[in-house]
Amino acid sequence: MDESMRHDIALFRYGLIAPLVNGQVEPKAYLKEVSERVHHVPHQGDKMFPTRATNESQPRRSSIGAPDTKKGALTP
């Protein structure tokens, strides 16, 4: 993957998360909306993002794999 491809994909990803980062949207509703649409990912084609990513019933995992107990913590 060359620098131009990485740049295009990074801009796409930022475009998806920017409304959340900037506080422009209500997170739960926005994530539901994102998961219901088909997105054209640069150099990768059309993709849908799973609703599992927005399911709050799943425990969040910290970077070491243990459930995260901090409410609202940003974890991978």
N, C-alpha and C. Protein backbone atom coordinates (compact mmCIF):
# COMPACT_ATOMS: atom_id res chain seq x y z
N MET A 1 0.86 -1.17 0.00
CA MET A 1 0.00 0.00 0.00
C MET A 1 0.90 1.24 0.00
N ASP A 2 0.68 2.12 -0.97
CA ASP A 2 1.52 3.31 -1.05
C ASP A 2 0.94 4.44 -0.19
N GLU A 3 1.71 5.50 -0.09
CA GLU A 3 1.34 6.63 0.77
C GLU A 3 0.01 7.25 0.36
N SER A 4 -0.26 7.35 -0.93
CA SER A 4 -1.50 7.94 -1.42
C SER A 4 -2.72 7.11 -0.99
N MET A 5 -2.60 5.79 -1.07
CA MET A 5 -3.69 4.92 -0.64
C MET A 5 -3.93 5.05 0.85
N ARG A 6 -2.85 5.06 1.63
CA ARG A 6 -2.99 5.21 3.09
C ARG A 6 -3.66 6.54 3.43
N HIS A 7 -3.28 7.58 2.71
CA HIS A 7 -3.86 8.91 2.94
C HIS A 7 -5.36 8.92 2.64
N ASP A 8 -5.75 8.34 1.52
CA ASP A 8 -7.16 8.28 1.14
C ASP A 8 -7.99 7.51 2.17
N ILE A 9 -7.46 6.39 2.63
CA ILE A 9 -8.18 5.58 3.62
C ILE A 9 -8.25 6.32 4.96
N ALA A 10 -7.18 6.99 5.34
CA ALA A 10 -7.18 7.76 6.59
C ALA A 10 -8.22 8.88 6.54
N LEU A 11 -8.32 9.57 5.41
CA LEU A 11 -9.33 10.63 5.28
C LEU A 11 -10.74 10.05 5.37
N PHE A 12 -10.96 8.90 4.77
CA PHE A 12 -12.27 8.25 4.86
C PHE A 12 -12.60 7.92 6.31
N ARG A 13 -11.65 7.30 7.00
CA ARG A 13 -11.89 6.93 8.40
C ARG A 13 -12.14 8.15 9.26
N TYR A 14 -11.35 9.20 9.06
CA TYR A 14 -11.56 10.42 9.84
C TYR A 14 -12.94 11.01 9.55
N GLY A 15 -13.35 10.94 8.29
CA GLY A 15 -14.68 11.44 7.94
C GLY A 15 -15.79 10.73 8.68
N LEU A 16 -15.58 9.45 8.97
CA LEU A 16 -16.59 8.70 9.73
C LEU A 16 -16.59 9.08 11.20
N ILE A 17 -15.41 9.27 11.79
CA ILE A 17 -15.37 9.52 13.23
C ILE A 17 -15.43 11.01 13.60
N ALA A 18 -15.20 11.90 12.65
CA ALA A 18 -15.16 13.34 12.95
C ALA A 18 -16.42 13.84 13.65
N PRO A 19 -17.63 13.48 13.21
CA PRO A 19 -18.81 13.98 13.91
C PRO A 19 -18.86 13.53 15.37
N LEU A 20 -18.34 12.35 15.67
CA LEU A 20 -18.29 11.88 17.06
C LEU A 20 -17.25 12.66 17.86
N VAL A 21 -16.07 12.80 17.29
CA VAL A 21 -14.98 13.49 17.97
C VAL A 21 -15.34 14.95 18.25
N ASN A 22 -16.02 15.58 17.31
CA ASN A 22 -16.38 16.99 17.45
C ASN A 22 -17.66 17.23 18.24
N GLY A 23 -18.32 16.15 18.67
CA GLY A 23 -19.54 16.30 19.45
C GLY A 23 -20.72 16.81 18.64
N GLN A 24 -20.73 16.57 17.34
CA GLN A 24 -21.79 17.08 16.48
C GLN A 24 -23.01 16.17 16.45
N VAL A 25 -22.88 14.96 16.92
CA VAL A 25 -23.96 13.98 16.83
C VAL A 25 -24.11 13.24 18.16
N GLU A 26 -25.28 12.63 18.32
CA GLU A 26 -25.50 11.77 19.49
C GLU A 26 -24.88 10.42 19.13
N PRO A 27 -23.91 9.95 19.91
CA PRO A 27 -23.13 8.77 19.53
C PRO A 27 -23.93 7.52 19.18
N LYS A 28 -24.87 7.13 19.99
CA LYS A 28 -25.60 5.89 19.75
C LYS A 28 -26.38 5.95 18.44
N ALA A 29 -27.07 7.05 18.19
CA ALA A 29 -27.85 7.20 16.96
C ALA A 29 -26.93 7.25 15.74
N TYR A 30 -25.81 7.96 15.86
CA TYR A 30 -24.88 8.06 14.73
C TYR A 30 -24.27 6.70 14.39
N LEU A 31 -23.85 5.96 15.39
CA LEU A 31 -23.27 4.65 15.14
C LEU A 31 -24.28 3.70 14.52
N LYS A 32 -25.54 3.80 14.93
CA LYS A 32 -26.59 2.98 14.33
C LYS A 32 -26.75 3.36 12.85
N GLU A 33 -26.76 4.65 12.57
CA GLU A 33 -26.89 5.12 11.18
C GLU A 33 -25.72 4.64 10.33
N VAL A 34 -24.51 4.76 10.84
CA VAL A 34 -23.31 4.34 10.11
C VAL A 34 -23.37 2.84 9.82
N SER A 35 -23.83 2.05 10.77
CA SER A 35 -23.86 0.60 10.58
C SER A 35 -24.93 0.16 9.59
N GLU A 36 -25.90 1.02 9.29
CA GLU A 36 -26.98 0.66 8.37
C GLU A 36 -26.69 1.03 6.92
N ARG A 37 -25.62 1.78 6.68
CA ARG A 37 -25.32 2.23 5.32
C ARG A 37 -24.17 1.44 4.70
N VAL A 38 -24.14 1.44 3.38
CA VAL A 38 -22.99 0.91 2.64
C VAL A 38 -22.06 2.09 2.40
N HIS A 39 -20.79 1.90 2.69
CA HIS A 39 -19.80 2.96 2.54
C HIS A 39 -18.81 2.58 1.45
N HIS A 40 -18.45 3.54 0.62
CA HIS A 40 -17.43 3.29 -0.39
C HIS A 40 -16.07 3.62 0.22
N VAL A 41 -15.32 2.59 0.56
CA VAL A 41 -14.00 2.76 1.17
C VAL A 41 -12.99 2.89 0.04
N PRO A 42 -12.20 3.96 0.03
CA PRO A 42 -11.22 4.15 -1.04
C PRO A 42 -10.29 2.95 -1.19
N HIS A 43 -10.12 2.52 -2.42
CA HIS A 43 -9.21 1.43 -2.78
C HIS A 43 -9.65 0.07 -2.24
N GLN A 44 -10.82 -0.01 -1.61
CA GLN A 44 -11.29 -1.28 -1.06
C GLN A 44 -12.70 -1.63 -1.51
N GLY A 45 -13.44 -0.67 -2.01
CA GLY A 45 -14.79 -0.93 -2.49
C GLY A 45 -15.86 -0.66 -1.45
N ASP A 46 -17.06 -1.13 -1.76
CA ASP A 46 -18.20 -0.90 -0.88
C ASP A 46 -18.18 -1.86 0.29
N LYS A 47 -18.41 -1.31 1.49
CA LYS A 47 -18.40 -2.12 2.70
C LYS A 47 -19.47 -1.63 3.67
N MET A 48 -19.94 -2.56 4.48
CA MET A 48 -20.82 -2.21 5.59
C MET A 48 -20.04 -2.49 6.86
N PHE A 49 -20.29 -1.70 7.87
CA PHE A 49 -19.65 -1.90 9.16
C PHE A 49 -20.65 -2.60 10.07
N PRO A 50 -20.23 -3.65 10.74
CA PRO A 50 -21.16 -4.48 11.50
C PRO A 50 -21.84 -3.73 12.64
N THR A 51 -23.08 -4.12 12.89
CA THR A 51 -23.81 -3.51 14.00
C THR A 51 -23.21 -3.94 15.33
N ARG A 52 -22.48 -5.04 15.34
CA ARG A 52 -21.85 -5.49 16.57
C ARG A 52 -20.95 -4.41 17.17
N ALA A 53 -20.35 -3.60 16.31
CA ALA A 53 -19.48 -2.53 16.78
C ALA A 53 -20.24 -1.48 17.58
N THR A 54 -21.55 -1.41 17.39
CA THR A 54 -22.34 -0.42 18.10
C THR A 54 -23.19 -1.04 19.21
N ASN A 55 -23.05 -2.34 19.44
CA ASN A 55 -23.85 -3.03 20.44
C ASN A 55 -23.27 -2.79 21.83
N GLU A 56 -23.99 -2.04 22.66
CA GLU A 56 -23.50 -1.70 23.98
C GLU A 56 -23.63 -2.84 24.98
N SER A 57 -24.30 -3.95 24.61
CA SER A 57 -24.42 -5.06 25.54
C SER A 57 -23.13 -5.86 25.60
N GLN A 58 -22.24 -5.68 24.62
CA GLN A 58 -20.96 -6.37 24.64
C GLN A 58 -20.00 -5.61 25.55
N PRO A 59 -19.27 -6.32 26.42
CA PRO A 59 -18.31 -5.61 27.28
C PRO A 59 -17.18 -5.03 26.46
N ARG A 60 -16.76 -3.85 26.82
CA ARG A 60 -15.63 -3.23 26.15
C ARG A 60 -14.36 -3.90 26.65
N ARG A 61 -13.37 -3.97 25.78
CA ARG A 61 -12.10 -4.59 26.14
C ARG A 61 -11.01 -3.53 26.20
N SER A 62 -10.16 -3.66 27.19
CA SER A 62 -9.02 -2.75 27.27
C SER A 62 -7.96 -3.23 26.29
N SER A 63 -6.88 -2.50 26.21
CA SER A 63 -5.84 -2.86 25.25
C SER A 63 -5.17 -4.18 25.58
N ILE A 64 -5.31 -4.67 26.81
CA ILE A 64 -4.71 -5.96 27.15
C ILE A 64 -5.74 -7.09 27.14
N GLY A 65 -6.97 -6.80 26.74
CA GLY A 65 -7.97 -7.83 26.58
C GLY A 65 -8.90 -8.03 27.76
N ALA A 66 -8.68 -7.34 28.85
CA ALA A 66 -9.57 -7.47 30.01
C ALA A 66 -10.74 -6.52 29.85
N PRO A 67 -11.92 -6.87 30.37
CA PRO A 67 -13.06 -5.95 30.29
C PRO A 67 -12.71 -4.60 30.92
N ASP A 68 -13.11 -3.54 30.26
CA ASP A 68 -12.85 -2.20 30.75
C ASP A 68 -13.98 -1.79 31.68
N THR A 69 -13.65 -1.38 32.88
CA THR A 69 -14.67 -1.03 33.87
C THR A 69 -14.95 0.46 33.93
N LYS A 70 -14.19 1.27 33.22
CA LYS A 70 -14.41 2.72 33.22
C LYS A 70 -15.53 3.06 32.26
N LYS A 71 -16.57 3.69 32.76
CA LYS A 71 -17.69 4.08 31.91
C LYS A 71 -17.23 5.14 30.92
N GLY A 72 -17.50 4.88 29.63
CA GLY A 72 -17.16 5.84 28.58
C GLY A 72 -15.71 5.83 28.17
N ALA A 73 -14.92 4.89 28.67
CA ALA A 73 -13.51 4.85 28.30
C ALA A 73 -13.36 4.48 26.83
N LEU A 74 -12.41 5.10 26.18
CA LEU A 74 -12.13 4.79 24.78
C LEU A 74 -11.14 3.63 24.74
N THR A 75 -11.60 2.47 24.30
CA THR A 75 -10.74 1.31 24.22
C THR A 75 -10.87 0.69 22.84
N PRO A 76 -9.86 -0.03 22.39
CA PRO A 76 -9.94 -0.65 21.07
C PRO A 76 -10.98 -1.75 20.99
